[in-house]
Amino acid sequence: MADGSLLEPVADFMRETAEIEIMPRYQALQEDEVREKTGPKDLVTIADLESERRLTLKLRDLLPGSEVIGEEAASNHPEIFQHFEGDSPIWIIDPVDGTSNFAKGSRHFCVMVGLVQKGETRLGVILDPLGERWISAERGAGAWSRSYHENTGERLNARAPASNAEMEGALNLRFLDSPQKEEVRARAKQTIGRYYSLGCAGHEYIHLVEDKSHFSLYVKNMPWDHAPGCLIHAEAGGYQARFDGRSYHPGELTGGLLCAPDEESWRTLYAALFGAEAVNLAG
């Protein structure tokens, strides 16, 4: 594992933040510490707000001159997406990914941080507080898993390709319009071995690199959900592309995203889910 100057302190900040701001509130949230943003499936808690506040301060200090795009700040100030148009390094923060799970006391939640420079994700960390471990990647240095209790990491690899009938993975269709949503779900039932949604992109990316799933599909592409995980999956040997076949870039908020073991299985899976007529769309 590369001894990067930023990876270790970033992981340390995330762990400390989880221990101070998140875990004391797990299964202990008060009614007035949870509220809706855009609807009942889009929540924010005091843990999200305090985690993002703490990480924003720490990460800005760690890399002077850097900008921050955090999920909760962007919810109130969407103009901060303009940072993608500049040259400054940008920290991407998801303070509690899987907020609805966290608010219900379920286990699938995490913390995610990415570092974007000149439109490219250079570093990504996904921290699983309940599992007391994190997965991470620096561009060109592979993907790694590390426990709170160990000083060395374990190299991660994307799952080997398989036929569509043997494929299993995350299928997130919530933001796909009807009737296409129903059509894709019907095709999945006919052609894919198993699919699910954890309500937490971070844990779905963990599944991708810990031999638990082959693919993940997303319609909505907010950078805090995908910048860290896409880098980690790519460094583990996986393949990711927009629905039109273009490469993933964190500053593009639309276009869909499909992660698969390799390019060939991406194309096979995409055609199975979106129909033979979609092959031309994917290049």
C-alpha atoms as a PDB file:
ATOM      1  CA  MET A   1       0.000   0.000   0.000  1.00  0.00           C
ATOM      2  CA  ALA A   2       1.347   3.403  -0.969  1.00  0.00           C
ATOM      3  CA  ASP A   3       2.464   5.667   1.856  1.00  0.00           C
ATOM      4  CA  GLY A   4       0.685   8.734   0.503  1.00  0.00           C
ATOM      5  CA  SER A   5       0.995  11.991   2.395  1.00  0.00           C
ATOM      6  CA  LEU A   6      -2.795  12.447   2.502  1.00  0.00           C
ATOM      7  CA  LEU A   7      -4.360   8.992   2.798  1.00  0.00           C
ATOM      8  CA  GLU A   8      -3.415   8.258   6.400  1.00  0.00           C
ATOM      9  CA  PRO A   9      -4.498  11.610   7.864  1.00  0.00           C
ATOM     10  CA  VAL A  10      -7.737  11.550   5.862  1.00  0.00           C
ATOM     11  CA  ALA A  11      -8.599   8.079   7.181  1.00  0.00           C
ATOM     12  CA  ASP A  12      -7.672   9.192  10.702  1.00  0.00           C
ATOM     13  CA  PHE A  13      -9.933  12.268  10.449  1.00  0.00           C
ATOM     14  CA  MET A  14     -12.805  10.120   9.224  1.00  0.00           C
ATOM     15  CA  ARG A  15     -12.363   7.598  12.016  1.00  0.00           C
ATOM     16  CA  GLU A  16     -12.167  10.301  14.674  1.00  0.00           C
ATOM     17  CA  THR A  17     -15.220  12.039  13.241  1.00  0.00           C
ATOM     18  CA  ALA A  18     -17.207   8.810  13.258  1.00  0.00           C
ATOM     19  CA  GLU A  19     -16.225   8.141  16.869  1.00  0.00           C
ATOM     20  CA  ILE A  20     -17.084  11.676  18.013  1.00  0.00           C
ATOM     21  CA  GLU A  21     -20.064  12.736  15.876  1.00  0.00           C
ATOM     22  CA  ILE A  22     -21.688   9.598  14.466  1.00  0.00           C
ATOM     23  CA  MET A  23     -21.424   6.507  16.643  1.00  0.00           C
ATOM     24  CA  PRO A  24     -22.632   8.142  19.904  1.00  0.00           C
ATOM     25  CA  ARG A  25     -25.846   8.988  17.991  1.00  0.00           C
ATOM     26  CA  TYR A  26     -26.296   5.556  16.394  1.00  0.00           C
ATOM     27  CA  GLN A  27     -29.628   4.107  17.564  1.00  0.00           C
ATOM     28  CA  ALA A  28     -29.887   7.096  19.914  1.00  0.00           C
ATOM     29  CA  LEU A  29     -31.225   9.903  17.716  1.00  0.00           C
ATOM     30  CA  GLN A  30     -33.900  12.138  19.180  1.00  0.00           C
ATOM     31  CA  GLU A  31     -36.941  13.092  17.132  1.00  0.00           C
ATOM     32  CA  ASP A  32     -35.741  16.676  16.707  1.00  0.00           C
ATOM     33  CA  GLU A  33     -32.354  15.456  15.410  1.00  0.00           C
ATOM     34  CA  VAL A  34     -33.821  14.081  12.152  1.00  0.00           C
ATOM     35  CA  ARG A  35     -35.580  16.057   9.437  1.00  0.00           C
ATOM     36  CA  GLU A  36     -36.638  15.682   5.823  1.00  0.00           C
ATOM     37  CA  LYS A  37     -34.874  17.548   3.022  1.00  0.00           C
ATOM     38  CA  THR A  38     -36.803  16.907  -0.203  1.00  0.00           C
ATOM     39  CA  GLY A  39     -39.088  14.160   1.119  1.00  0.00           C
ATOM     40  CA  PRO A  40     -39.426  11.189   3.491  1.00  0.00           C
ATOM     41  CA  LYS A  41     -36.715   9.212   1.652  1.00  0.00           C
ATOM     42  CA  ASP A  42     -34.241  12.117   1.791  1.00  0.00           C
ATOM     43  CA  LEU A  43     -33.231  12.708   5.408  1.00  0.00           C
ATOM     44  CA  VAL A  44     -30.578  14.636   7.257  1.00  0.00           C
ATOM     45  CA  THR A  45     -29.605  14.089  10.898  1.00  0.00           C
ATOM     46  CA  ILE A  46     -27.529  15.979  13.418  1.00  0.00           C
ATOM     47  CA  ALA A  47     -24.821  13.366  12.794  1.00  0.00           C
ATOM     48  CA  ASP A  48     -24.667  14.303   9.076  1.00  0.00           C
ATOM     49  CA  LEU A  49     -24.374  17.999   9.874  1.00  0.00           C
ATOM     50  CA  GLU A  50     -21.765  17.700  12.610  1.00  0.00           C
ATOM     51  CA  SER A  51     -19.732  15.101  10.700  1.00  0.00           C
ATOM     52  CA  GLU A  52     -19.577  17.329   7.619  1.00  0.00           C
ATOM     53  CA  ARG A  53     -18.729  20.405   9.654  1.00  0.00           C
ATOM     54  CA  ARG A  54     -15.818  18.666  11.367  1.00  0.00           C
ATOM     55  CA  LEU A  55     -14.463  17.014   8.217  1.00  0.00           C
ATOM     56  CA  THR A  56     -14.706  20.270   6.246  1.00  0.00           C
ATOM     57  CA  LEU A  57     -12.490  22.079   8.741  1.00  0.00           C
ATOM     58  CA  LYS A  58      -9.983  19.234   9.031  1.00  0.00           C
ATOM     59  CA  LEU A  59      -9.620  18.630   5.297  1.00  0.00           C
ATOM     60  CA  ARG A  60      -9.264  22.307   4.401  1.00  0.00           C
ATOM     61  CA  ASP A  61      -6.467  22.613   6.942  1.00  0.00           C
ATOM     62  CA  LEU A  62      -4.803  19.448   5.635  1.00  0.00           C
ATOM     63  CA  LEU A  63      -4.568  20.811   2.081  1.00  0.00           C
ATOM     64  CA  PRO A  64      -4.318  24.615   2.043  1.00  0.00           C
ATOM     65  CA  GLY A  65      -6.064  26.211  -0.919  1.00  0.00           C
ATOM     66  CA  SER A  66      -8.470  23.312  -1.372  1.00  0.00           C
ATOM     67  CA  GLU A  67     -12.229  23.616  -1.772  1.00  0.00           C
ATOM     68  CA  VAL A  68     -14.933  21.386  -0.271  1.00  0.00           C
ATOM     69  CA  ILE A  69     -18.158  20.024  -1.731  1.00  0.00           C
ATOM     70  CA  GLY A  70     -20.138  18.342   1.036  1.00  0.00           C
ATOM     71  CA  GLU A  71     -23.563  16.798   0.585  1.00  0.00           C
ATOM     72  CA  GLU A  72     -25.286  18.947   3.190  1.00  0.00           C
ATOM     73  CA  ALA A  73     -23.592  22.186   2.129  1.00  0.00           C
ATOM     74  CA  ALA A  74     -24.538  21.497  -1.495  1.00  0.00           C
ATOM     75  CA  SER A  75     -28.153  20.922  -0.449  1.00  0.00           C
ATOM     76  CA  ASN A  76     -28.316  24.513   0.802  1.00  0.00           C
ATOM     77  CA  HIS A  77     -25.788  26.104  -1.570  1.00  0.00           C
ATOM     78  CA  PRO A  78     -25.813  24.349  -4.966  1.00  0.00           C
ATOM     79  CA  GLU A  79     -23.524  27.016  -6.354  1.00  0.00           C
ATOM     80  CA  ILE A  80     -20.575  25.206  -4.745  1.00  0.00           C
ATOM     81  CA  PHE A  81     -20.653  22.787  -7.683  1.00  0.00           C
ATOM     82  CA  GLN A  82     -18.931  25.620  -9.556  1.00  0.00           C
ATOM     83  CA  HIS A  83     -15.732  24.500  -7.795  1.00  0.00           C
ATOM     84  CA  PHE A  84     -15.493  21.816 -10.483  1.00  0.00           C
ATOM     85  CA  GLU A  85     -14.874  24.594 -13.005  1.00  0.00           C
ATOM     86  CA  GLY A  86     -11.738  25.814 -11.190  1.00  0.00           C
ATOM     87  CA  ASP A  87      -8.223  24.456 -10.736  1.00  0.00           C
ATOM     88  CA  SER A  88      -8.175  24.086  -6.939  1.00  0.00           C
ATOM     89  CA  PRO A  89      -8.191  20.593  -5.378  1.00  0.00           C
ATOM     90  CA  ILE A  90     -11.677  19.659  -4.179  1.00  0.00           C
ATOM     91  CA  TRP A  91     -12.592  17.496  -1.220  1.00  0.00           C
ATOM     92  CA  ILE A  92     -15.836  15.557  -1.724  1.00  0.00           C
ATOM     93  CA  ILE A  93     -17.607  14.614   1.531  1.00  0.00           C
ATOM     94  CA  ASP A  94     -20.513  12.313   2.257  1.00  0.00           C
ATOM     95  CA  PRO A  95     -20.721  12.733   6.038  1.00  0.00           C
ATOM     96  CA  VAL A  96     -23.151   9.830   6.548  1.00  0.00           C
ATOM     97  CA  ASP A  97     -23.899   7.797   3.455  1.00  0.00           C
ATOM     98  CA  GLY A  98     -27.076   5.786   3.987  1.00  0.00           C
ATOM     99  CA  THR A  99     -28.684   8.371   6.254  1.00  0.00           C
ATOM    100  CA  SER A 100     -32.097   6.671   6.175  1.00  0.00           C
ATOM    101  CA  ASN A 101     -30.483   3.413   7.333  1.00  0.00           C
ATOM    102  CA  PHE A 102     -28.607   5.261  10.064  1.00  0.00           C
ATOM    103  CA  ALA A 103     -31.774   7.013  11.235  1.00  0.00           C
ATOM    104  CA  LYS A 104     -33.567   3.642  11.466  1.00  0.00           C
ATOM    105  CA  GLY A 105     -30.682   2.052  13.357  1.00  0.00           C
ATOM    106  CA  SER A 106     -29.757  -0.252  10.465  1.00  0.00           C
ATOM    107  CA  ARG A 107     -26.146  -1.242   9.811  1.00  0.00           C
ATOM    108  CA  HIS A 108     -25.587  -0.087   6.218  1.00  0.00           C
ATOM    109  CA  PHE A 109     -24.156   3.398   6.599  1.00  0.00           C
ATOM    110  CA  CYS A 110     -20.650   4.784   6.153  1.00  0.00           C
ATOM    111  CA  VAL A 111     -18.545   7.904   5.654  1.00  0.00           C
ATOM    112  CA  MET A 112     -16.989   8.751   2.281  1.00  0.00           C
ATOM    113  CA  VAL A 113     -14.297  11.236   1.249  1.00  0.00           C
ATOM    114  CA  GLY A 114     -12.723  11.807  -2.156  1.00  0.00           C
ATOM    115  CA  LEU A 115     -10.118  14.237  -3.458  1.00  0.00           C
ATOM    116  CA  VAL A 116     -10.627  15.566  -6.986  1.00  0.00           C
ATOM    117  CA  GLN A 117      -7.908  17.422  -8.882  1.00  0.00           C
ATOM    118  CA  LYS A 118      -8.420  18.780 -12.407  1.00  0.00           C
ATOM    119  CA  GLY A 119     -11.555  16.727 -12.901  1.00  0.00           C
ATOM    120  CA  GLU A 120     -10.003  13.433 -11.789  1.00  0.00           C
ATOM    121  CA  THR A 121     -10.448  11.628  -8.487  1.00  0.00           C
ATOM    122  CA  ARG A 122      -7.017  11.135  -6.952  1.00  0.00           C
ATOM    123  CA  LEU A 123      -7.916   9.640  -3.569  1.00  0.00           C
ATOM    124  CA  GLY A 124     -10.944   7.878  -2.125  1.00  0.00           C
ATOM    125  CA  VAL A 125     -11.779   6.491   1.310  1.00  0.00           C
ATOM    126  CA  ILE A 126     -14.935   4.689   2.473  1.00  0.00           C
ATOM    127  CA  LEU A 127     -15.098   4.166   6.228  1.00  0.00           C
ATOM    128  CA  ASP A 128     -17.418   1.563   7.777  1.00  0.00           C
ATOM    129  CA  PRO A 129     -17.746   2.633  11.440  1.00  0.00           C
ATOM    130  CA  LEU A 130     -19.654  -0.444  12.595  1.00  0.00           C
ATOM    131  CA  GLY A 131     -17.192  -2.760  10.867  1.00  0.00           C
ATOM    132  CA  GLU A 132     -14.279  -0.747  12.295  1.00  0.00           C
ATOM    133  CA  ARG A 133     -12.460  -0.695   8.962  1.00  0.00           C
ATOM    134  CA  TRP A 134     -12.063   1.316   5.791  1.00  0.00           C
ATOM    135  CA  ILE A 135     -11.314   0.731   2.125  1.00  0.00           C
ATOM    136  CA  SER A 136      -9.250   3.199   0.145  1.00  0.00           C
ATOM    137  CA  ALA A 137      -7.359   3.951  -3.034  1.00  0.00           C
ATOM    138  CA  GLU A 138      -4.897   6.435  -4.417  1.00  0.00           C
ATOM    139  CA  ARG A 139      -4.750   6.666  -8.187  1.00  0.00           C
ATOM    140  CA  GLY A 140      -2.163   4.250  -9.532  1.00  0.00           C
ATOM    141  CA  ALA A 141      -1.554   2.553  -6.171  1.00  0.00           C
ATOM    142  CA  GLY A 142      -4.266  -0.123  -6.024  1.00  0.00           C
ATOM    143  CA  ALA A 143      -7.225  -0.559  -3.684  1.00  0.00           C
ATOM    144  CA  TRP A 144      -6.850  -1.612  -0.068  1.00  0.00           C
ATOM    145  CA  SER A 145      -8.835  -2.619   3.008  1.00  0.00           C
ATOM    146  CA  ARG A 146      -7.669  -1.892   6.518  1.00  0.00           C
ATOM    147  CA  SER A 147      -9.017  -2.649   9.969  1.00  0.00           C
ATOM    148  CA  TYR A 148      -8.913  -0.180  12.853  1.00  0.00           C
ATOM    149  CA  HIS A 149      -6.867  -2.780  14.686  1.00  0.00           C
ATOM    150  CA  GLU A 150      -4.149  -3.474  12.098  1.00  0.00           C
ATOM    151  CA  ASN A 151      -1.257  -1.432  10.755  1.00  0.00           C
ATOM    152  CA  THR A 152      -1.141  -3.119   7.357  1.00  0.00           C
ATOM    153  CA  GLY A 153      -3.768  -3.391   4.645  1.00  0.00           C
ATOM    154  CA  GLU A 154      -5.136  -6.126   2.411  1.00  0.00           C
ATOM    155  CA  ARG A 155      -5.114  -5.686  -1.374  1.00  0.00           C
ATOM    156  CA  LEU A 156      -8.586  -5.628  -2.920  1.00  0.00           C
ATOM    157  CA  ASN A 157      -9.716  -6.992  -6.277  1.00  0.00           C
ATOM    158  CA  ALA A 158     -12.920  -6.646  -8.240  1.00  0.00           C
ATOM    159  CA  ARG A 159     -14.921  -9.828  -8.616  1.00  0.00           C
ATOM    160  CA  ALA A 160     -14.168 -11.976 -11.662  1.00  0.00           C
ATOM    161  CA  PRO A 161     -16.529 -11.702 -14.657  1.00  0.00           C
ATOM    162  CA  ALA A 162     -19.484 -14.073 -14.893  1.00  0.00           C
ATOM    163  CA  SER A 163     -22.440 -14.735 -17.150  1.00  0.00           C
ATOM    164  CA  ASN A 164     -25.486 -12.527 -16.633  1.00  0.00           C
ATOM    165  CA  ALA A 165     -27.321 -15.470 -15.086  1.00  0.00           C
ATOM    166  CA  GLU A 166     -24.570 -15.714 -12.458  1.00  0.00           C
ATOM    167  CA  MET A 167     -24.256 -11.986 -11.875  1.00  0.00           C
ATOM    168  CA  GLU A 168     -25.341 -10.433  -8.584  1.00  0.00           C
ATOM    169  CA  GLY A 169     -25.214  -6.826  -7.597  1.00  0.00           C
ATOM    170  CA  ALA A 170     -26.884  -3.551  -6.681  1.00  0.00           C
ATOM    171  CA  LEU A 171     -29.663  -2.221  -8.912  1.00  0.00           C
ATOM    172  CA  ASN A 172     -30.773   1.281  -7.961  1.00  0.00           C
ATOM    173  CA  LEU A 173     -33.676   2.425 -10.153  1.00  0.00           C
ATOM    174  CA  ARG A 174     -35.370   4.965  -7.876  1.00  0.00           C
ATOM    175  CA  PHE A 175     -34.554   7.947 -10.108  1.00  0.00           C
ATOM    176  CA  LEU A 176     -35.283   6.233 -13.422  1.00  0.00           C
ATOM    177  CA  ASP A 177     -38.494   7.456 -15.069  1.00  0.00           C
ATOM    178  CA  SER A 178     -41.414   5.201 -15.875  1.00  0.00           C
ATOM    179  CA  PRO A 179     -41.978   3.159 -17.976  1.00  0.00           C
ATOM    180  CA  GLN A 180     -38.241   2.560 -18.388  1.00  0.00           C
ATOM    181  CA  LYS A 181     -37.887   1.765 -14.685  1.00  0.00           C
ATOM    182  CA  GLU A 182     -40.398  -1.075 -14.914  1.00  0.00           C
ATOM    183  CA  GLU A 183     -38.871  -2.319 -18.179  1.00  0.00           C
ATOM    184  CA  VAL A 184     -35.361  -2.501 -16.705  1.00  0.00           C
ATOM    185  CA  ARG A 185     -36.619  -4.245 -13.567  1.00  0.00           C
ATOM    186  CA  ALA A 186     -38.479  -6.807 -15.690  1.00  0.00           C
ATOM    187  CA  ARG A 187     -35.362  -7.505 -17.760  1.00  0.00           C
ATOM    188  CA  ALA A 188     -33.309  -7.867 -14.592  1.00  0.00           C
ATOM    189  CA  LYS A 189     -35.731 -10.472 -13.252  1.00  0.00           C
ATOM    190  CA  GLN A 190     -35.410 -12.440 -16.486  1.00  0.00           C
ATOM    191  CA  THR A 191     -31.662 -12.231 -17.057  1.00  0.00           C
ATOM    192  CA  ILE A 192     -29.735 -11.410 -13.847  1.00  0.00           C
ATOM    193  CA  GLY A 193     -28.924 -13.921 -11.133  1.00  0.00           C
ATOM    194  CA  ARG A 194     -29.634 -11.681  -8.138  1.00  0.00           C
ATOM    195  CA  TYR A 195     -30.013  -7.968  -7.519  1.00  0.00           C
ATOM    196  CA  TYR A 196     -30.652  -5.784  -4.490  1.00  0.00           C
ATOM    197  CA  SER A 197     -30.274  -2.264  -3.084  1.00  0.00           C
ATOM    198  CA  LEU A 198     -28.648  -1.537   0.271  1.00  0.00           C
ATOM    199  CA  GLY A 199     -29.682   2.110   0.412  1.00  0.00           C
ATOM    200  CA  CYS A 200     -26.007   2.985   0.825  1.00  0.00           C
ATOM    201  CA  ALA A 201     -23.715   3.402  -2.185  1.00  0.00           C
ATOM    202  CA  GLY A 202     -20.637   3.132   0.027  1.00  0.00           C
ATOM    203  CA  HIS A 203     -21.498  -0.377   1.197  1.00  0.00           C
ATOM    204  CA  GLU A 204     -22.392  -1.344  -2.361  1.00  0.00           C
ATOM    205  CA  TYR A 205     -18.896  -0.274  -3.441  1.00  0.00           C
ATOM    206  CA  ILE A 206     -17.461  -2.311  -0.569  1.00  0.00           C
ATOM    207  CA  HIS A 207     -19.357  -5.325  -1.920  1.00  0.00           C
ATOM    208  CA  LEU A 208     -17.831  -4.732  -5.365  1.00  0.00           C
ATOM    209  CA  VAL A 209     -14.254  -5.077  -4.102  1.00  0.00           C
ATOM    210  CA  GLU A 210     -14.781  -7.689  -1.396  1.00  0.00           C
ATOM    211  CA  ASP A 211     -16.039 -10.473  -3.695  1.00  0.00           C
ATOM    212  CA  LYS A 212     -19.687  -9.988  -2.706  1.00  0.00           C
ATOM    213  CA  SER A 213     -21.100  -8.543  -5.934  1.00  0.00           C
ATOM    214  CA  HIS A 214     -20.310  -8.162  -9.623  1.00  0.00           C
ATOM    215  CA  PHE A 215     -22.070  -4.922 -10.493  1.00  0.00           C
ATOM    216  CA  SER A 216     -23.727  -1.748  -9.267  1.00  0.00           C
ATOM    217  CA  LEU A 217     -26.067   0.463 -11.265  1.00  0.00           C
ATOM    218  CA  TYR A 218     -27.046   4.043 -10.411  1.00  0.00           C
ATOM    219  CA  VAL A 219     -29.200   6.621 -12.164  1.00  0.00           C
ATOM    220  CA  LYS A 220     -28.361   9.634  -9.992  1.00  0.00           C
ATOM    221  CA  ASN A 221     -24.674  10.594  -9.912  1.00  0.00           C
ATOM    222  CA  MET A 222     -23.957  12.966  -7.034  1.00  0.00           C
ATOM    223  CA  PRO A 223     -20.175  13.124  -6.520  1.00  0.00           C
ATOM    224  CA  TRP A 224     -20.222  12.254  -2.809  1.00  0.00           C
ATOM    225  CA  ASP A 225     -21.952   8.976  -3.639  1.00  0.00           C
ATOM    226  CA  HIS A 226     -19.537   7.866  -6.361  1.00  0.00           C
ATOM    227  CA  ALA A 227     -16.199   9.709  -6.586  1.00  0.00           C
ATOM    228  CA  PRO A 228     -14.505   7.669  -3.811  1.00  0.00           C
ATOM    229  CA  GLY A 229     -16.100   4.349  -4.757  1.00  0.00           C
ATOM    230  CA  CYS A 230     -15.440   4.598  -8.505  1.00  0.00           C
ATOM    231  CA  LEU A 231     -11.736   5.193  -7.887  1.00  0.00           C
ATOM    232  CA  ILE A 232     -11.537   2.287  -5.434  1.00  0.00           C
ATOM    233  CA  HIS A 233     -13.354  -0.030  -7.841  1.00  0.00           C
ATOM    234  CA  ALA A 234     -11.139   1.057 -10.744  1.00  0.00           C
ATOM    235  CA  GLU A 235      -7.962   0.528  -8.705  1.00  0.00           C
ATOM    236  CA  ALA A 236      -9.279  -2.942  -7.801  1.00  0.00           C
ATOM    237  CA  GLY A 237      -9.451  -3.744 -11.522  1.00  0.00           C
ATOM    238  CA  GLY A 238     -13.127  -2.999 -12.156  1.00  0.00           C
ATOM    239  CA  TYR A 239     -14.717  -1.067 -15.006  1.00  0.00           C
ATOM    240  CA  GLN A 240     -17.135   1.874 -14.759  1.00  0.00           C
ATOM    241  CA  ALA A 241     -18.914   3.930 -17.427  1.00  0.00           C
ATOM    242  CA  ARG A 242     -21.892   6.198 -17.981  1.00  0.00           C
ATOM    243  CA  PHE A 243     -24.926   4.739 -19.719  1.00  0.00           C
ATOM    244  CA  ASP A 244     -23.623   6.175 -23.022  1.00  0.00           C
ATOM    245  CA  GLY A 245     -20.274   4.451 -22.553  1.00  0.00           C
ATOM    246  CA  ARG A 246     -18.275   7.517 -21.507  1.00  0.00           C
ATOM    247  CA  SER A 247     -15.861   7.418 -18.581  1.00  0.00           C
ATOM    248  CA  TYR A 248     -17.009   8.574 -15.154  1.00  0.00           C
ATOM    249  CA  HIS A 249     -16.050  12.113 -14.091  1.00  0.00           C
ATOM    250  CA  PRO A 250     -17.158  13.431 -10.678  1.00  0.00           C
ATOM    251  CA  GLY A 251     -18.177  16.858 -11.987  1.00  0.00           C
ATOM    252  CA  GLU A 252     -20.905  15.370 -14.211  1.00  0.00           C
ATOM    253  CA  LEU A 253     -24.071  14.923 -12.165  1.00  0.00           C
ATOM    254  CA  THR A 254     -26.191  13.089 -14.749  1.00  0.00           C
ATOM    255  CA  GLY A 255     -25.728  10.289 -17.252  1.00  0.00           C
ATOM    256  CA  GLY A 256     -26.159   7.186 -15.124  1.00  0.00           C
ATOM    257  CA  LEU A 257     -23.394   4.869 -13.938  1.00  0.00           C
ATOM    258  CA  LEU A 258     -22.779   1.140 -14.254  1.00  0.00           C
ATOM    259  CA  CYS A 259     -19.865  -0.619 -12.551  1.00  0.00           C
ATOM    260  CA  ALA A 260     -18.903  -4.130 -13.701  1.00  0.00           C
ATOM    261  CA  PRO A 261     -15.921  -6.517 -13.536  1.00  0.00           C
ATOM    262  CA  ASP A 262     -14.579  -5.511 -16.974  1.00  0.00           C
ATOM    263  CA  GLU A 263     -15.609  -3.734 -20.181  1.00  0.00           C
ATOM    264  CA  GLU A 264     -16.964  -6.848 -21.891  1.00  0.00           C
ATOM    265  CA  SER A 265     -19.206  -7.776 -18.969  1.00  0.00           C
ATOM    266  CA  TRP A 266     -20.288  -4.101 -18.719  1.00  0.00           C
ATOM    267  CA  ARG A 267     -21.529  -4.216 -22.306  1.00  0.00           C
ATOM    268  CA  THR A 268     -23.221  -7.583 -21.881  1.00  0.00           C
ATOM    269  CA  LEU A 269     -24.945  -6.488 -18.679  1.00  0.00           C
ATOM    270  CA  TYR A 270     -25.954  -3.107 -20.089  1.00  0.00           C
ATOM    271  CA  ALA A 271     -27.559  -4.749 -23.128  1.00  0.00           C
ATOM    272  CA  ALA A 272     -29.400  -7.230 -20.904  1.00  0.00           C
ATOM    273  CA  LEU A 273     -30.836  -4.478 -18.691  1.00  0.00           C
ATOM    274  CA  PHE A 274     -31.631  -1.803 -21.262  1.00  0.00           C
ATOM    275  CA  GLY A 275     -32.392  -3.980 -24.289  1.00  0.00           C
ATOM    276  CA  ALA A 276     -30.548  -4.810 -27.480  1.00  0.00           C
ATOM    277  CA  GLU A 277     -31.455  -1.413 -28.911  1.00  0.00           C
ATOM    278  CA  ALA A 278     -29.367   0.207 -26.151  1.00  0.00           C
ATOM    279  CA  VAL A 279     -26.082  -1.304 -27.387  1.00  0.00           C
ATOM    280  CA  ASN A 280     -25.600   1.515 -29.884  1.00  0.00           C
ATOM    281  CA  LEU A 281     -26.217   4.076 -27.136  1.00  0.00           C
ATOM    282  CA  ALA A 282     -23.370   2.520 -25.142  1.00  0.00           C
ATOM    283  CA  GLY A 283     -20.929   2.849 -28.018  1.00  0.00           C
END
